């Protein structure tokens, strides 16, 4: 059903959505809004780091493996 969310593009879309939810929480003065935004930003940082280094390789069955080979 959510095949379009697989991969880096889907991860980016989810991160941006969660970040916007955190902004909405901050506007509404909900406790924990900063934690949500920091979590989304750290997930974005991880996505950018793994994408830049090419650390994650996809196997044929759709699982990720970290081989450390560059």
N, C-alpha and C. Protein backbone atom coordinates (compact mmCIF):
# COMPACT_ATOMS: atom_id res chain seq x y z
N UNK A 1 0.81 -1.20 0.00
CA UNK A 1 0.00 0.00 0.00
C UNK A 1 0.86 1.26 0.00
N UNK A 2 1.95 1.26 0.76
CA UNK A 2 2.80 2.43 0.85
C UNK A 2 4.15 2.17 0.19
N UNK A 3 4.14 1.59 -0.99
CA UNK A 3 5.37 1.27 -1.71
C UNK A 3 6.18 2.53 -2.02
N UNK A 4 5.51 3.67 -2.19
CA UNK A 4 6.20 4.91 -2.54
C UNK A 4 7.04 5.43 -1.37
N UNK A 5 6.87 4.90 -0.17
CA UNK A 5 7.64 5.35 0.98
C UNK A 5 8.93 4.56 1.18
N UNK A 6 9.18 3.58 0.33
CA UNK A 6 10.40 2.80 0.45
C UNK A 6 11.58 3.59 -0.11
N UNK A 7 12.71 3.47 0.52
CA UNK A 7 13.91 4.14 0.06
C UNK A 7 14.11 5.49 0.71
N UNK A 8 15.13 6.20 0.19
CA UNK A 8 15.51 7.48 0.77
C UNK A 8 14.45 8.56 0.57
N UNK A 9 13.78 8.54 -0.56
CA UNK A 9 12.74 9.54 -0.82
C UNK A 9 11.58 9.42 0.16
N UNK A 10 11.19 8.22 0.46
CA UNK A 10 10.12 8.00 1.42
C UNK A 10 10.54 8.39 2.83
N UNK A 11 11.78 8.07 3.16
CA UNK A 11 12.31 8.46 4.47
C UNK A 11 12.30 9.97 4.61
N UNK A 12 12.72 10.66 3.56
CA UNK A 12 12.73 12.12 3.58
C UNK A 12 11.32 12.68 3.75
N UNK A 13 10.35 12.11 3.06
CA UNK A 13 8.97 12.57 3.18
C UNK A 13 8.44 12.39 4.60
N UNK A 14 8.75 11.26 5.21
CA UNK A 14 8.29 11.01 6.59
C UNK A 14 8.98 11.95 7.56
N UNK A 15 10.28 12.17 7.37
CA UNK A 15 11.02 13.10 8.25
C UNK A 15 10.43 14.50 8.17
N UNK A 16 10.15 14.97 6.97
CA UNK A 16 9.58 16.31 6.82
C UNK A 16 8.19 16.39 7.44
N UNK A 17 7.39 15.34 7.30
CA UNK A 17 6.07 15.32 7.91
C UNK A 17 6.16 15.39 9.43
N UNK A 18 7.05 14.59 10.01
CA UNK A 18 7.21 14.58 11.45
C UNK A 18 7.73 15.93 11.94
N UNK A 19 8.64 16.55 11.18
CA UNK A 19 9.14 17.87 11.55
C UNK A 19 8.01 18.89 11.54
N UNK A 20 7.14 18.83 10.54
CA UNK A 20 5.99 19.74 10.49
C UNK A 20 5.02 19.49 11.64
N UNK A 21 4.87 18.24 12.03
CA UNK A 21 4.04 17.93 13.20
C UNK A 21 4.66 18.57 14.44
N UNK A 22 5.98 18.51 14.57
CA UNK A 22 6.67 19.14 15.69
C UNK A 22 6.49 20.64 15.71
N UNK A 23 6.51 21.27 14.53
CA UNK A 23 6.27 22.71 14.45
C UNK A 23 4.85 23.03 14.89
N UNK A 24 3.90 22.23 14.45
CA UNK A 24 2.51 22.42 14.87
C UNK A 24 2.36 22.26 16.37
N UNK A 25 3.08 21.30 16.93
CA UNK A 25 3.03 21.11 18.38
C UNK A 25 3.62 22.32 19.10
N UNK A 26 4.71 22.87 18.56
CA UNK A 26 5.33 24.04 19.18
C UNK A 26 4.41 25.25 19.12
N UNK A 27 3.72 25.41 18.00
CA UNK A 27 2.77 26.52 17.87
C UNK A 27 1.64 26.35 18.87
N UNK A 28 1.23 25.12 19.10
CA UNK A 28 0.16 24.83 20.05
C UNK A 28 0.63 24.71 21.49
N UNK A 29 1.91 24.99 21.74
CA UNK A 29 2.49 24.95 23.08
C UNK A 29 2.31 23.58 23.75
N UNK A 30 2.53 22.54 22.98
CA UNK A 30 2.44 21.17 23.50
C UNK A 30 3.81 20.76 24.03
N UNK A 31 3.81 20.18 25.22
CA UNK A 31 5.07 19.71 25.80
C UNK A 31 5.67 18.61 24.94
N UNK A 32 6.96 18.64 24.76
CA UNK A 32 7.64 17.61 23.98
C UNK A 32 7.80 17.95 22.51
N UNK A 33 7.38 19.13 22.10
CA UNK A 33 7.49 19.52 20.69
C UNK A 33 8.95 19.59 20.26
N UNK A 34 9.80 20.11 21.12
CA UNK A 34 11.22 20.21 20.76
C UNK A 34 11.83 18.82 20.59
N UNK A 35 11.40 17.86 21.39
CA UNK A 35 11.91 16.50 21.26
C UNK A 35 11.52 15.89 19.91
N UNK A 36 10.32 16.17 19.46
CA UNK A 36 9.86 15.66 18.17
C UNK A 36 10.68 16.28 17.04
N UNK A 37 10.92 17.58 17.11
CA UNK A 37 11.68 18.25 16.06
C UNK A 37 13.14 17.81 16.06
N UNK A 38 13.73 17.64 17.23
CA UNK A 38 15.12 17.17 17.31
C UNK A 38 15.23 15.75 16.77
N UNK A 39 14.26 14.91 17.08
CA UNK A 39 14.27 13.55 16.55
C UNK A 39 14.16 13.51 15.04
N UNK A 40 13.32 14.36 14.48
CA UNK A 40 13.18 14.43 13.03
C UNK A 40 14.46 14.93 12.38
N UNK A 41 15.08 15.94 12.98
CA UNK A 41 16.33 16.47 12.42
C UNK A 41 17.47 15.46 12.53
N UNK A 42 17.51 14.70 13.62
CA UNK A 42 18.56 13.69 13.74
C UNK A 42 18.34 12.56 12.73
N UNK A 43 17.10 12.24 12.45
CA UNK A 43 16.81 11.23 11.44
C UNK A 43 17.21 11.74 10.05
N UNK A 44 16.96 13.01 9.80
CA UNK A 44 17.38 13.61 8.52
C UNK A 44 18.90 13.60 8.41
N UNK A 45 19.60 13.92 9.49
CA UNK A 45 21.06 13.90 9.48
C UNK A 45 21.57 12.49 9.16
N UNK A 46 20.98 11.49 9.78
CA UNK A 46 21.37 10.11 9.53
C UNK A 46 21.13 9.73 8.07
N UNK A 47 19.98 10.15 7.55
CA UNK A 47 19.67 9.87 6.14
C UNK A 47 20.70 10.49 5.22
N UNK A 48 21.07 11.72 5.48
CA UNK A 48 22.05 12.41 4.64
C UNK A 48 23.44 11.80 4.77
N UNK A 49 23.82 11.39 5.97
CA UNK A 49 25.14 10.78 6.17
C UNK A 49 25.24 9.43 5.47
N UNK A 50 24.22 8.59 5.59
CA UNK A 50 24.29 7.28 4.96
C UNK A 50 24.17 7.39 3.45
N UNK A 51 23.41 8.35 2.97
CA UNK A 51 23.28 8.55 1.53
C UNK A 51 24.56 9.09 0.92
N UNK A 52 25.26 9.96 1.63
CA UNK A 52 26.48 10.55 1.11
C UNK A 52 27.62 9.55 1.09
N UNK A 53 27.70 8.69 2.08
CA UNK A 53 28.78 7.72 2.16
C UNK A 53 28.48 6.43 1.41
N UNK A 54 27.22 6.19 1.12
CA UNK A 54 26.86 4.95 0.44
C UNK A 54 27.04 3.74 1.32
N UNK A 55 26.78 3.89 2.61
CA UNK A 55 27.02 2.80 3.55
C UNK A 55 25.98 1.69 3.47
N UNK A 56 24.79 2.00 3.04
CA UNK A 56 23.72 1.01 3.04
C UNK A 56 23.55 0.44 1.65
N UNK A 57 23.65 -0.86 1.55
CA UNK A 57 23.42 -1.56 0.29
C UNK A 57 22.14 -2.35 0.39
N UNK A 58 21.33 -2.33 -0.65
CA UNK A 58 20.08 -3.09 -0.66
C UNK A 58 20.35 -4.49 -1.20
N UNK A 59 19.87 -5.47 -0.48
CA UNK A 59 19.93 -6.85 -0.96
C UNK A 59 18.78 -7.09 -1.92
N UNK A 60 18.78 -8.20 -2.57
CA UNK A 60 17.71 -8.54 -3.50
C UNK A 60 16.36 -8.71 -2.84
N UNK A 61 16.36 -9.05 -1.54
CA UNK A 61 15.09 -9.27 -0.85
C UNK A 61 14.56 -8.01 -0.19
N UNK A 62 15.19 -6.86 -0.40
CA UNK A 62 14.68 -5.60 0.13
C UNK A 62 15.21 -5.25 1.50
N UNK A 63 16.07 -6.10 2.06
CA UNK A 63 16.64 -5.78 3.36
C UNK A 63 17.93 -5.02 3.18
N UNK A 64 18.29 -4.25 4.17
CA UNK A 64 19.51 -3.46 4.10
C UNK A 64 20.64 -4.23 4.76
N UNK A 65 21.83 -4.09 4.20
CA UNK A 65 23.00 -4.68 4.81
C UNK A 65 24.11 -3.64 4.82
N UNK A 66 24.82 -3.58 5.91
CA UNK A 66 25.92 -2.65 6.04
C UNK A 66 27.21 -3.42 5.85
N UNK A 67 27.80 -3.33 4.67
CA UNK A 67 28.99 -4.12 4.38
C UNK A 67 30.26 -3.36 4.70
N UNK A 68 30.17 -2.04 4.78
CA UNK A 68 31.36 -1.24 5.04
C UNK A 68 32.24 -1.08 3.82
N UNK A 69 31.85 -1.61 2.67
CA UNK A 69 32.62 -1.50 1.44
C UNK A 69 32.23 -0.23 0.72
N UNK A 70 33.22 0.53 0.31
CA UNK A 70 32.92 1.79 -0.40
C UNK A 70 33.43 1.74 -1.81
